[in-house]
N, C-alpha and C. Protein backbone atom coordinates (compact mmCIF):
# COMPACT_ATOMS: atom_id res chain seq x y z
N UNK A 1 116.70 93.79 99.50
CA UNK A 1 115.82 93.22 100.50
C UNK A 1 115.99 91.70 100.50
N UNK A 2 116.10 91.16 101.67
CA UNK A 2 116.24 89.71 101.80
C UNK A 2 114.85 89.12 102.08
N UNK A 3 114.45 88.06 101.33
CA UNK A 3 113.13 87.48 101.56
C UNK A 3 113.01 86.88 102.96
N UNK A 4 111.81 86.90 103.49
CA UNK A 4 111.55 86.35 104.81
C UNK A 4 111.26 84.86 104.77
N UNK A 5 110.96 84.34 103.59
CA UNK A 5 110.67 82.91 103.43
C UNK A 5 111.52 82.38 102.29
N UNK A 6 111.72 81.07 102.22
CA UNK A 6 112.43 80.52 101.06
C UNK A 6 111.62 80.77 99.78
N UNK A 7 112.32 81.14 98.72
CA UNK A 7 111.70 81.32 97.41
C UNK A 7 112.28 80.24 96.51
N UNK A 8 111.61 79.10 96.43
CA UNK A 8 112.20 77.93 95.78
C UNK A 8 112.35 78.08 94.28
N UNK A 9 113.30 77.37 93.74
CA UNK A 9 113.42 77.20 92.29
C UNK A 9 112.62 75.97 91.92
N UNK A 10 112.48 75.70 90.64
CA UNK A 10 111.72 74.53 90.20
C UNK A 10 112.30 73.24 90.78
N UNK A 11 113.61 73.16 90.88
CA UNK A 11 114.26 71.95 91.37
C UNK A 11 113.95 71.66 92.84
N UNK A 12 113.51 72.67 93.58
CA UNK A 12 113.20 72.51 95.00
C UNK A 12 111.79 72.00 95.25
N UNK A 13 110.96 71.89 94.21
CA UNK A 13 109.53 71.66 94.37
C UNK A 13 109.16 70.19 94.33
N UNK A 14 108.01 69.88 94.94
CA UNK A 14 107.47 68.54 94.81
C UNK A 14 106.67 68.45 93.51
N UNK A 15 106.09 67.29 93.25
CA UNK A 15 105.43 67.06 91.96
C UNK A 15 104.26 68.02 91.73
N UNK A 16 103.43 68.23 92.75
CA UNK A 16 102.27 69.11 92.61
C UNK A 16 102.72 70.56 92.37
N UNK A 17 103.74 70.99 93.08
CA UNK A 17 104.24 72.35 92.90
C UNK A 17 104.86 72.52 91.51
N UNK A 18 105.59 71.51 91.05
CA UNK A 18 106.20 71.59 89.71
C UNK A 18 105.14 71.68 88.62
N UNK A 19 104.02 70.98 88.81
CA UNK A 19 102.94 71.04 87.82
C UNK A 19 102.40 72.46 87.71
N UNK A 20 102.23 73.14 88.85
CA UNK A 20 101.78 74.53 88.83
C UNK A 20 102.84 75.41 88.19
N UNK A 21 104.07 75.25 88.58
CA UNK A 21 105.18 76.03 88.02
C UNK A 21 105.19 75.92 86.50
N UNK A 22 105.11 74.69 86.00
CA UNK A 22 105.18 74.47 84.55
C UNK A 22 103.98 75.09 83.82
N UNK A 23 102.81 75.03 84.45
CA UNK A 23 101.62 75.65 83.84
C UNK A 23 101.79 77.16 83.76
N UNK A 24 102.32 77.77 84.81
CA UNK A 24 102.55 79.22 84.81
C UNK A 24 103.55 79.59 83.71
N UNK A 25 104.64 78.85 83.63
CA UNK A 25 105.70 79.16 82.66
C UNK A 25 105.20 78.99 81.23
N UNK A 26 104.30 78.05 81.00
CA UNK A 26 103.78 77.84 79.64
C UNK A 26 102.62 78.77 79.30
N UNK A 27 102.16 79.56 80.27
CA UNK A 27 101.04 80.48 80.05
C UNK A 27 101.50 81.87 79.66
N UNK A 28 100.59 82.85 79.72
CA UNK A 28 100.93 84.21 79.29
C UNK A 28 101.98 84.91 80.14
N UNK A 29 102.16 84.48 81.38
CA UNK A 29 103.19 85.10 82.22
C UNK A 29 104.59 84.71 81.73
N UNK A 30 104.75 83.45 81.40
CA UNK A 30 106.03 82.98 80.89
C UNK A 30 107.10 82.71 81.93
N UNK A 31 106.85 83.07 83.17
CA UNK A 31 107.83 82.85 84.24
C UNK A 31 107.13 82.93 85.59
N UNK A 32 107.75 82.35 86.59
CA UNK A 32 107.23 82.42 87.95
C UNK A 32 107.98 83.54 88.66
N UNK A 33 107.26 84.63 88.89
CA UNK A 33 107.87 85.79 89.55
C UNK A 33 106.91 86.33 90.60
N UNK A 34 107.38 87.32 91.33
CA UNK A 34 106.54 88.03 92.27
C UNK A 34 105.88 87.14 93.30
N UNK A 35 104.57 87.35 93.53
CA UNK A 35 103.89 86.65 94.63
C UNK A 35 103.78 85.15 94.42
N UNK A 36 103.80 84.70 93.18
CA UNK A 36 103.73 83.26 92.96
C UNK A 36 104.96 82.54 93.52
N UNK A 37 106.05 83.27 93.67
CA UNK A 37 107.24 82.67 94.30
C UNK A 37 106.96 82.34 95.76
N UNK A 38 106.06 83.09 96.39
CA UNK A 38 105.66 82.78 97.76
C UNK A 38 104.51 81.78 97.78
N UNK A 39 103.52 82.00 96.93
CA UNK A 39 102.33 81.14 96.93
C UNK A 39 102.64 79.71 96.54
N UNK A 40 103.73 79.47 95.83
CA UNK A 40 104.07 78.12 95.37
C UNK A 40 104.29 77.16 96.53
N UNK A 41 104.47 77.68 97.74
CA UNK A 41 104.59 76.81 98.91
C UNK A 41 103.31 75.98 99.11
N UNK A 42 102.20 76.46 98.61
CA UNK A 42 100.93 75.73 98.65
C UNK A 42 100.48 75.57 97.19
N UNK A 43 100.65 74.38 96.64
CA UNK A 43 100.40 74.17 95.21
C UNK A 43 98.97 74.51 94.82
N UNK A 44 98.00 74.14 95.62
CA UNK A 44 96.61 74.44 95.27
C UNK A 44 96.37 75.94 95.26
N UNK A 45 96.85 76.62 96.29
CA UNK A 45 96.72 78.08 96.34
C UNK A 45 97.39 78.71 95.13
N UNK A 46 98.60 78.30 94.82
CA UNK A 46 99.34 78.89 93.70
C UNK A 46 98.62 78.68 92.37
N UNK A 47 98.05 77.48 92.19
CA UNK A 47 97.33 77.21 90.94
C UNK A 47 96.10 78.08 90.79
N UNK A 48 95.33 78.22 91.85
CA UNK A 48 94.13 79.05 91.79
C UNK A 48 94.50 80.53 91.68
N UNK A 49 95.53 80.92 92.40
CA UNK A 49 96.03 82.30 92.35
C UNK A 49 96.42 82.65 90.92
N UNK A 50 97.19 81.77 90.30
CA UNK A 50 97.66 82.03 88.95
C UNK A 50 96.51 82.13 87.96
N UNK A 51 95.52 81.25 88.09
CA UNK A 51 94.38 81.28 87.17
C UNK A 51 93.59 82.59 87.31
N UNK A 52 93.36 83.02 88.55
CA UNK A 52 92.65 84.28 88.76
C UNK A 52 93.46 85.45 88.22
N UNK A 53 94.75 85.46 88.51
CA UNK A 53 95.60 86.54 88.04
C UNK A 53 95.66 86.63 86.53
N UNK A 54 95.76 85.49 85.86
CA UNK A 54 95.79 85.49 84.40
C UNK A 54 94.49 86.03 83.83
N UNK A 55 93.37 85.64 84.41
CA UNK A 55 92.08 86.13 83.95
C UNK A 55 91.99 87.65 84.09
N UNK A 56 92.39 88.16 85.24
CA UNK A 56 92.27 89.60 85.48
C UNK A 56 93.30 90.41 84.71
N UNK A 57 94.49 89.88 84.56
CA UNK A 57 95.53 90.65 83.89
C UNK A 57 95.41 90.60 82.37
N UNK A 58 94.96 89.47 81.83
CA UNK A 58 95.02 89.28 80.39
C UNK A 58 93.67 89.15 79.69
N UNK A 59 92.56 89.04 80.44
CA UNK A 59 91.29 88.69 79.78
C UNK A 59 90.10 89.54 80.20
N UNK A 60 90.30 90.77 80.62
CA UNK A 60 89.15 91.60 80.96
C UNK A 60 88.72 92.41 79.75
N UNK A 61 87.57 93.05 79.88
CA UNK A 61 87.07 93.92 78.80
C UNK A 61 87.74 95.29 78.83
N UNK A 62 88.48 95.60 79.88
CA UNK A 62 89.16 96.90 79.98
C UNK A 62 90.37 96.94 79.06
N UNK A 63 90.64 98.10 78.45
CA UNK A 63 91.87 98.22 77.69
C UNK A 63 93.08 97.97 78.58
N UNK A 64 94.10 97.36 78.02
CA UNK A 64 95.32 97.03 78.78
C UNK A 64 95.89 98.27 79.46
N UNK A 65 95.84 99.40 78.79
CA UNK A 65 96.35 100.66 79.35
C UNK A 65 95.67 100.96 80.69
N UNK A 66 94.35 100.77 80.76
CA UNK A 66 93.62 101.09 81.97
C UNK A 66 93.80 100.02 83.05
N UNK A 67 93.86 98.76 82.65
CA UNK A 67 94.13 97.70 83.61
C UNK A 67 95.48 97.92 84.29
N UNK A 68 96.48 98.24 83.49
CA UNK A 68 97.82 98.44 84.06
C UNK A 68 97.87 99.68 84.94
N UNK A 69 97.12 100.71 84.59
CA UNK A 69 97.05 101.88 85.46
C UNK A 69 96.45 101.51 86.80
N UNK A 70 95.35 100.73 86.79
CA UNK A 70 94.74 100.30 88.06
C UNK A 70 95.71 99.48 88.89
N UNK A 71 96.50 98.63 88.24
CA UNK A 71 97.50 97.84 88.95
C UNK A 71 98.56 98.75 89.55
N UNK A 72 98.99 99.76 88.81
CA UNK A 72 100.00 100.69 89.33
C UNK A 72 99.46 101.50 90.51
N UNK A 73 98.20 101.93 90.42
CA UNK A 73 97.60 102.64 91.55
C UNK A 73 97.63 101.75 92.79
N UNK A 74 97.31 100.50 92.61
CA UNK A 74 97.29 99.56 93.73
C UNK A 74 98.69 99.32 94.29
N UNK A 75 99.64 99.08 93.40
CA UNK A 75 101.02 98.89 93.84
C UNK A 75 101.55 100.11 94.57
N UNK A 76 101.18 101.29 94.08
CA UNK A 76 101.64 102.53 94.73
C UNK A 76 100.99 102.71 96.08
N UNK A 77 99.70 102.37 96.16
CA UNK A 77 98.99 102.51 97.44
C UNK A 77 99.68 101.73 98.54
N UNK A 78 100.15 100.53 98.21
CA UNK A 78 100.76 99.66 99.21
C UNK A 78 102.29 99.72 99.17
N UNK A 79 102.84 100.63 98.39
CA UNK A 79 104.30 100.75 98.24
C UNK A 79 104.95 99.40 97.99
N UNK A 80 104.36 98.64 97.07
CA UNK A 80 104.87 97.32 96.70
C UNK A 80 105.90 97.50 95.60
N UNK A 81 107.16 97.46 95.98
CA UNK A 81 108.25 97.77 95.06
C UNK A 81 108.26 96.84 93.84
N UNK A 82 108.09 95.54 94.07
CA UNK A 82 108.14 94.58 92.96
C UNK A 82 106.96 94.82 92.02
N UNK A 83 105.77 95.02 92.58
CA UNK A 83 104.60 95.26 91.74
C UNK A 83 104.79 96.50 90.88
N UNK A 84 105.29 97.56 91.49
CA UNK A 84 105.54 98.79 90.71
C UNK A 84 106.61 98.54 89.65
N UNK A 85 107.67 97.89 90.02
CA UNK A 85 108.77 97.61 89.08
C UNK A 85 108.26 96.90 87.83
N UNK A 86 107.40 95.90 88.01
CA UNK A 86 106.90 95.12 86.88
C UNK A 86 105.86 95.91 86.09
N UNK A 87 104.89 96.49 86.78
CA UNK A 87 103.71 97.01 86.08
C UNK A 87 103.85 98.44 85.59
N UNK A 88 104.70 99.25 86.18
CA UNK A 88 104.89 100.60 85.64
C UNK A 88 105.48 100.52 84.23
N UNK A 89 106.36 99.58 84.03
CA UNK A 89 106.96 99.38 82.70
C UNK A 89 105.89 98.96 81.69
N UNK A 90 105.03 98.03 82.09
CA UNK A 90 103.96 97.55 81.19
C UNK A 90 102.95 98.66 80.93
N UNK A 91 102.65 99.44 81.96
CA UNK A 91 101.72 100.57 81.79
C UNK A 91 102.27 101.56 80.77
N UNK A 92 103.55 101.87 80.87
CA UNK A 92 104.16 102.80 79.92
C UNK A 92 104.13 102.23 78.50
N UNK A 93 104.42 100.95 78.38
CA UNK A 93 104.40 100.30 77.06
C UNK A 93 103.00 100.32 76.44
N UNK A 94 101.98 100.43 77.28
CA UNK A 94 100.60 100.42 76.80
C UNK A 94 99.96 101.80 76.77
N UNK A 95 100.77 102.85 76.93
CA UNK A 95 100.28 104.20 76.67
C UNK A 95 100.06 105.11 77.85
N UNK A 96 100.37 104.68 79.07
CA UNK A 96 100.27 105.60 80.21
C UNK A 96 101.49 106.53 80.15
N UNK A 97 101.22 107.82 80.17
CA UNK A 97 102.28 108.82 80.01
C UNK A 97 103.32 108.72 81.12
N UNK A 98 104.61 108.86 80.76
CA UNK A 98 105.66 108.83 81.78
C UNK A 98 105.44 109.84 82.90
N UNK A 99 104.89 111.01 82.58
CA UNK A 99 104.68 112.03 83.61
C UNK A 99 103.69 111.55 84.68
N UNK A 100 102.69 110.77 84.27
CA UNK A 100 101.73 110.23 85.24
C UNK A 100 102.41 109.23 86.15
N UNK A 101 103.16 108.33 85.56
CA UNK A 101 103.86 107.32 86.36
C UNK A 101 104.91 107.95 87.26
N UNK A 102 105.64 108.94 86.75
CA UNK A 102 106.64 109.62 87.57
C UNK A 102 105.99 110.29 88.78
N UNK A 103 104.86 110.97 88.55
CA UNK A 103 104.18 111.64 89.66
C UNK A 103 103.74 110.63 90.72
N UNK A 104 103.12 109.54 90.27
CA UNK A 104 102.68 108.53 91.22
C UNK A 104 103.86 107.93 91.97
N UNK A 105 104.92 107.60 91.23
CA UNK A 105 106.10 106.98 91.85
C UNK A 105 106.69 107.90 92.91
N UNK A 106 106.73 109.20 92.62
CA UNK A 106 107.36 110.17 93.52
C UNK A 106 106.42 110.68 94.60
N UNK A 107 105.17 110.24 94.58
CA UNK A 107 104.22 110.68 95.60
C UNK A 107 103.64 112.04 95.35
N UNK A 108 103.49 112.41 94.07
CA UNK A 108 102.85 113.67 93.69
C UNK A 108 101.52 113.38 93.00
N UNK A 109 100.58 114.32 93.04
CA UNK A 109 99.32 114.08 92.34
C UNK A 109 99.55 114.08 90.82
N UNK A 110 99.11 113.04 90.13
CA UNK A 110 99.28 113.01 88.68
C UNK A 110 98.29 113.94 87.99
N UNK A 111 98.67 114.39 86.80
CA UNK A 111 97.80 115.22 85.97
C UNK A 111 97.42 114.38 84.76
N UNK A 112 96.12 114.23 84.54
CA UNK A 112 95.62 113.38 83.47
C UNK A 112 95.05 114.21 82.33
N UNK A 113 95.41 113.84 81.11
CA UNK A 113 94.80 114.43 79.92
C UNK A 113 93.59 113.62 79.46
N UNK A 114 93.58 112.33 79.81
CA UNK A 114 92.52 111.44 79.34
C UNK A 114 91.54 111.17 80.48
N UNK A 115 90.26 111.38 80.19
CA UNK A 115 89.22 111.24 81.21
C UNK A 115 89.13 109.81 81.73
N UNK A 116 89.33 108.81 80.86
CA UNK A 116 89.20 107.43 81.34
C UNK A 116 90.33 107.07 82.30
N UNK A 117 91.52 107.61 82.09
CA UNK A 117 92.63 107.35 83.01
C UNK A 117 92.39 108.02 84.35
N UNK A 118 91.92 109.24 84.32
CA UNK A 118 91.61 109.95 85.55
C UNK A 118 90.55 109.18 86.35
N UNK A 119 89.55 108.66 85.65
CA UNK A 119 88.47 107.92 86.29
C UNK A 119 88.98 106.63 86.92
N UNK A 120 89.81 105.89 86.22
CA UNK A 120 90.37 104.66 86.78
C UNK A 120 91.23 104.97 88.00
N UNK A 121 92.06 106.00 87.89
CA UNK A 121 92.88 106.39 89.04
C UNK A 121 92.00 106.70 90.25
N UNK A 122 90.98 107.53 90.05
CA UNK A 122 90.16 107.97 91.17
C UNK A 122 89.33 106.82 91.74
N UNK A 123 88.82 105.94 90.87
CA UNK A 123 88.07 104.77 91.34
C UNK A 123 88.96 103.89 92.21
N UNK A 124 90.13 103.55 91.71
CA UNK A 124 91.05 102.67 92.43
C UNK A 124 91.58 103.34 93.70
N UNK A 125 91.89 104.62 93.62
CA UNK A 125 92.39 105.34 94.79
C UNK A 125 91.34 105.38 95.89
N UNK A 126 90.12 105.75 95.54
CA UNK A 126 89.07 105.85 96.55
C UNK A 126 88.78 104.50 97.18
N UNK A 127 88.70 103.47 96.36
CA UNK A 127 88.40 102.14 96.87
C UNK A 127 89.45 101.68 97.88
N UNK A 128 90.69 102.00 97.62
CA UNK A 128 91.76 101.54 98.51
C UNK A 128 91.96 102.43 99.72
N UNK A 129 91.80 103.73 99.56
CA UNK A 129 92.03 104.61 100.69
C UNK A 129 90.81 104.78 101.58
N UNK A 130 89.62 104.68 100.98
CA UNK A 130 88.40 104.90 101.76
C UNK A 130 87.58 103.63 101.95
N UNK A 131 87.92 102.56 101.22
CA UNK A 131 87.18 101.32 101.33
C UNK A 131 85.86 101.32 100.57
N UNK A 132 85.61 102.37 99.80
CA UNK A 132 84.39 102.47 99.00
C UNK A 132 84.63 103.48 97.89
N UNK A 133 83.71 103.51 96.94
CA UNK A 133 83.82 104.44 95.81
C UNK A 133 82.62 105.38 95.88
N UNK A 134 82.84 106.70 95.81
CA UNK A 134 81.71 107.63 95.84
C UNK A 134 80.73 107.35 94.70
N UNK A 135 79.45 107.64 94.95
CA UNK A 135 78.41 107.35 93.97
C UNK A 135 78.71 107.96 92.60
N UNK A 136 79.15 109.21 92.59
CA UNK A 136 79.39 109.88 91.30
C UNK A 136 80.51 109.20 90.53
N UNK A 137 81.56 108.79 91.22
CA UNK A 137 82.68 108.11 90.56
C UNK A 137 82.24 106.74 90.07
N UNK A 138 81.48 106.04 90.89
CA UNK A 138 80.99 104.71 90.50
C UNK A 138 80.11 104.81 89.26
N UNK A 139 79.17 105.75 89.27
CA UNK A 139 78.26 105.90 88.13
C UNK A 139 79.02 106.28 86.87
N UNK A 140 80.00 107.14 87.01
CA UNK A 140 80.82 107.53 85.85
C UNK A 140 81.56 106.31 85.30
N UNK A 141 82.03 105.45 86.18
CA UNK A 141 82.73 104.23 85.74
C UNK A 141 81.78 103.28 85.02
N UNK A 142 80.56 103.13 85.52
CA UNK A 142 79.58 102.29 84.84
C UNK A 142 79.28 102.84 83.45
N UNK A 143 79.12 104.15 83.35
CA UNK A 143 78.85 104.77 82.06
C UNK A 143 80.02 104.60 81.10
N UNK A 144 81.23 104.65 81.62
CA UNK A 144 82.43 104.55 80.77
C UNK A 144 82.76 103.12 80.40
N UNK A 145 82.63 102.18 81.33
CA UNK A 145 83.13 100.81 81.14
C UNK A 145 82.07 99.73 81.17
N UNK A 146 80.82 100.10 81.50
CA UNK A 146 79.76 99.12 81.65
C UNK A 146 79.86 98.40 82.98
N UNK A 147 78.80 97.69 83.32
CA UNK A 147 78.79 96.96 84.60
C UNK A 147 79.91 95.93 84.63
N UNK A 148 80.09 95.19 83.52
CA UNK A 148 81.15 94.18 83.47
C UNK A 148 82.51 94.81 83.73
N UNK A 149 82.79 95.94 83.11
CA UNK A 149 84.07 96.61 83.29
C UNK A 149 84.31 97.06 84.72
N UNK A 150 83.24 97.54 85.38
CA UNK A 150 83.38 97.99 86.77
C UNK A 150 83.61 96.79 87.70
N UNK A 151 82.94 95.68 87.42
CA UNK A 151 83.19 94.46 88.21
C UNK A 151 84.65 94.03 88.03
N UNK A 152 85.13 94.06 86.80
CA UNK A 152 86.53 93.68 86.53
C UNK A 152 87.52 94.64 87.18
N UNK A 153 87.24 95.93 87.10
CA UNK A 153 88.13 96.93 87.70
C UNK A 153 88.22 96.72 89.21
N UNK A 154 87.08 96.48 89.85
CA UNK A 154 87.07 96.24 91.29
C UNK A 154 87.86 94.98 91.63
N UNK A 155 87.67 93.94 90.84
CA UNK A 155 88.41 92.69 91.07
C UNK A 155 89.91 92.88 90.87
N UNK A 156 90.29 93.67 89.87
CA UNK A 156 91.72 93.97 89.66
C UNK A 156 92.32 94.62 90.90
N UNK A 157 91.63 95.62 91.43
CA UNK A 157 92.14 96.31 92.62
C UNK A 157 92.25 95.35 93.79
N UNK A 158 91.24 94.51 93.98
CA UNK A 158 91.29 93.54 95.08
C UNK A 158 92.40 92.52 94.90
N UNK A 159 92.52 91.97 93.70
CA UNK A 159 93.55 90.96 93.46
C UNK A 159 94.95 91.55 93.65
N UNK A 160 95.19 92.73 93.09
CA UNK A 160 96.53 93.29 93.20
C UNK A 160 96.82 93.87 94.59
N UNK A 161 95.79 94.08 95.38
CA UNK A 161 96.01 94.37 96.80
C UNK A 161 96.57 93.13 97.49
N UNK A 162 95.98 91.97 97.20
CA UNK A 162 96.51 90.70 97.73
C UNK A 162 97.95 90.49 97.27
N UNK A 163 98.21 90.76 96.00
CA UNK A 163 99.57 90.64 95.47
C UNK A 163 100.52 91.55 96.25
N UNK A 164 100.14 92.81 96.41
CA UNK A 164 101.00 93.77 97.11
C UNK A 164 101.28 93.33 98.54
N UNK A 165 100.25 92.88 99.24
CA UNK A 165 100.45 92.47 100.63
C UNK A 165 101.34 91.24 100.72
N UNK A 166 101.19 90.33 99.77
CA UNK A 166 102.05 89.14 99.76
C UNK A 166 103.50 89.52 99.52
N UNK A 167 103.73 90.38 98.53
CA UNK A 167 105.10 90.83 98.25
C UNK A 167 105.71 91.51 99.46
N UNK A 168 104.94 92.40 100.08
CA UNK A 168 105.46 93.15 101.22
C UNK A 168 105.64 92.28 102.46
N UNK A 169 104.66 91.43 102.74
CA UNK A 169 104.73 90.61 103.97
C UNK A 169 105.91 89.65 103.94
N UNK A 170 106.16 89.04 102.78
CA UNK A 170 107.21 88.02 102.69
C UNK A 170 108.55 88.57 102.20
N UNK A 171 108.59 89.87 101.92
CA UNK A 171 109.86 90.46 101.49
C UNK A 171 110.35 89.91 100.16
N UNK A 172 109.44 89.67 99.22
CA UNK A 172 109.86 89.17 97.91
C UNK A 172 110.70 90.26 97.25
N UNK A 173 111.93 89.93 96.89
CA UNK A 173 112.86 90.97 96.43
C UNK A 173 112.69 91.33 94.96
N UNK A 174 113.22 92.49 94.63
CA UNK A 174 113.36 92.90 93.24
C UNK A 174 114.40 92.00 92.56
N UNK A 175 114.38 91.97 91.23
CA UNK A 175 115.44 91.21 90.54
C UNK A 175 116.83 91.72 90.98
N UNK A 176 117.79 90.84 90.92
CA UNK A 176 119.16 91.18 91.34
C UNK A 176 119.64 92.45 90.65
N UNK A 177 120.22 93.33 91.43
CA UNK A 177 120.81 94.55 90.89
C UNK A 177 119.86 95.71 90.72
N UNK A 178 118.56 95.50 90.96
CA UNK A 178 117.58 96.58 90.79
C UNK A 178 117.39 97.33 92.10
N UNK A 179 117.28 98.65 92.00
CA UNK A 179 117.02 99.48 93.17
C UNK A 179 115.53 99.69 93.34
N UNK A 180 115.08 99.90 94.57
CA UNK A 180 113.65 100.16 94.78
C UNK A 180 113.19 101.36 93.95
N UNK A 181 112.13 101.21 93.15
CA UNK A 181 111.71 102.29 92.27
C UNK A 181 110.86 103.35 92.96
N UNK A 182 110.21 103.02 94.07
CA UNK A 182 109.34 104.00 94.73
C UNK A 182 110.18 104.85 95.66
N UNK A 183 110.39 106.10 95.26
CA UNK A 183 111.32 106.97 95.96
C UNK A 183 110.72 107.64 97.19
N UNK A 184 109.40 107.67 97.27
CA UNK A 184 108.76 108.26 98.44
C UNK A 184 107.64 107.33 98.89
N UNK A 185 108.00 106.13 99.39
CA UNK A 185 106.96 105.14 99.66
C UNK A 185 105.95 105.56 100.70
N UNK A 186 106.29 106.52 101.54
CA UNK A 186 105.35 106.94 102.58
C UNK A 186 104.25 107.85 102.05
N UNK A 187 104.38 108.33 100.81
CA UNK A 187 103.44 109.31 100.29
C UNK A 187 102.07 108.74 99.96
N UNK A 188 101.99 107.50 99.48
CA UNK A 188 100.69 106.94 99.13
C UNK A 188 100.12 107.56 97.86
N UNK A 189 98.81 107.77 97.84
CA UNK A 189 98.11 108.31 96.68
C UNK A 189 97.46 109.62 97.03
N UNK A 190 97.19 110.42 96.01
CA UNK A 190 96.59 111.73 96.23
C UNK A 190 95.18 111.79 95.68
N UNK A 191 94.31 112.45 96.41
CA UNK A 191 93.00 112.77 95.88
C UNK A 191 93.20 113.84 94.81
N UNK A 192 92.56 113.65 93.68
CA UNK A 192 92.70 114.61 92.59
C UNK A 192 91.78 115.80 92.81
N UNK A 193 92.21 116.97 92.34
CA UNK A 193 91.30 118.11 92.41
C UNK A 193 90.11 117.86 91.49
N UNK A 194 89.03 118.58 91.73
CA UNK A 194 87.84 118.43 90.89
C UNK A 194 88.20 118.71 89.44
N UNK A 195 87.64 117.90 88.55
CA UNK A 195 87.89 118.09 87.11
C UNK A 195 87.19 119.37 86.67
N UNK A 196 87.82 120.03 85.72
CA UNK A 196 87.21 121.23 85.17
C UNK A 196 85.95 120.84 84.39
N UNK A 197 84.88 121.64 84.45
CA UNK A 197 83.65 121.30 83.72
C UNK A 197 83.84 121.38 82.22
């Protein structure tokens, strides 16, 4: 995929943009990739974007495994190839079963052994496909993660929706030599069958 906008290197940036670039590189991300390559065109936007993203990705009360699952659900919902490429790997490294990621990637309903993963999937799926979360799912999430965790989970879904749309709108490409990982991008997400009592 060819980008629709210039994706500058550090040498192409003005002083304000370079300051943001250097802060991102020295932080937990370690590099400027994905949507920040587009957002860097506006230094103030990129700086605030990066700060919010770092907070949500690295500093929530949710276990990393569940945060990364929510990010993958979001990337899959919007068929954001770059988001999936980056975060499916991190999700697997943090304990999300390959079979779950394979099912999502291929557009099949995933089968969950862990109740908290099923809950995060269904919360994120419903919020993105229906624009709201059913009362029973919301209450289950509050019981599982607390009010703070549900606020963070909702913010994760919203932030990574913005990430997905930015990647897709501007055609931010995968790293050189990588093939698109989402093999059935038109499939979206699946509503899960009712959990067994």
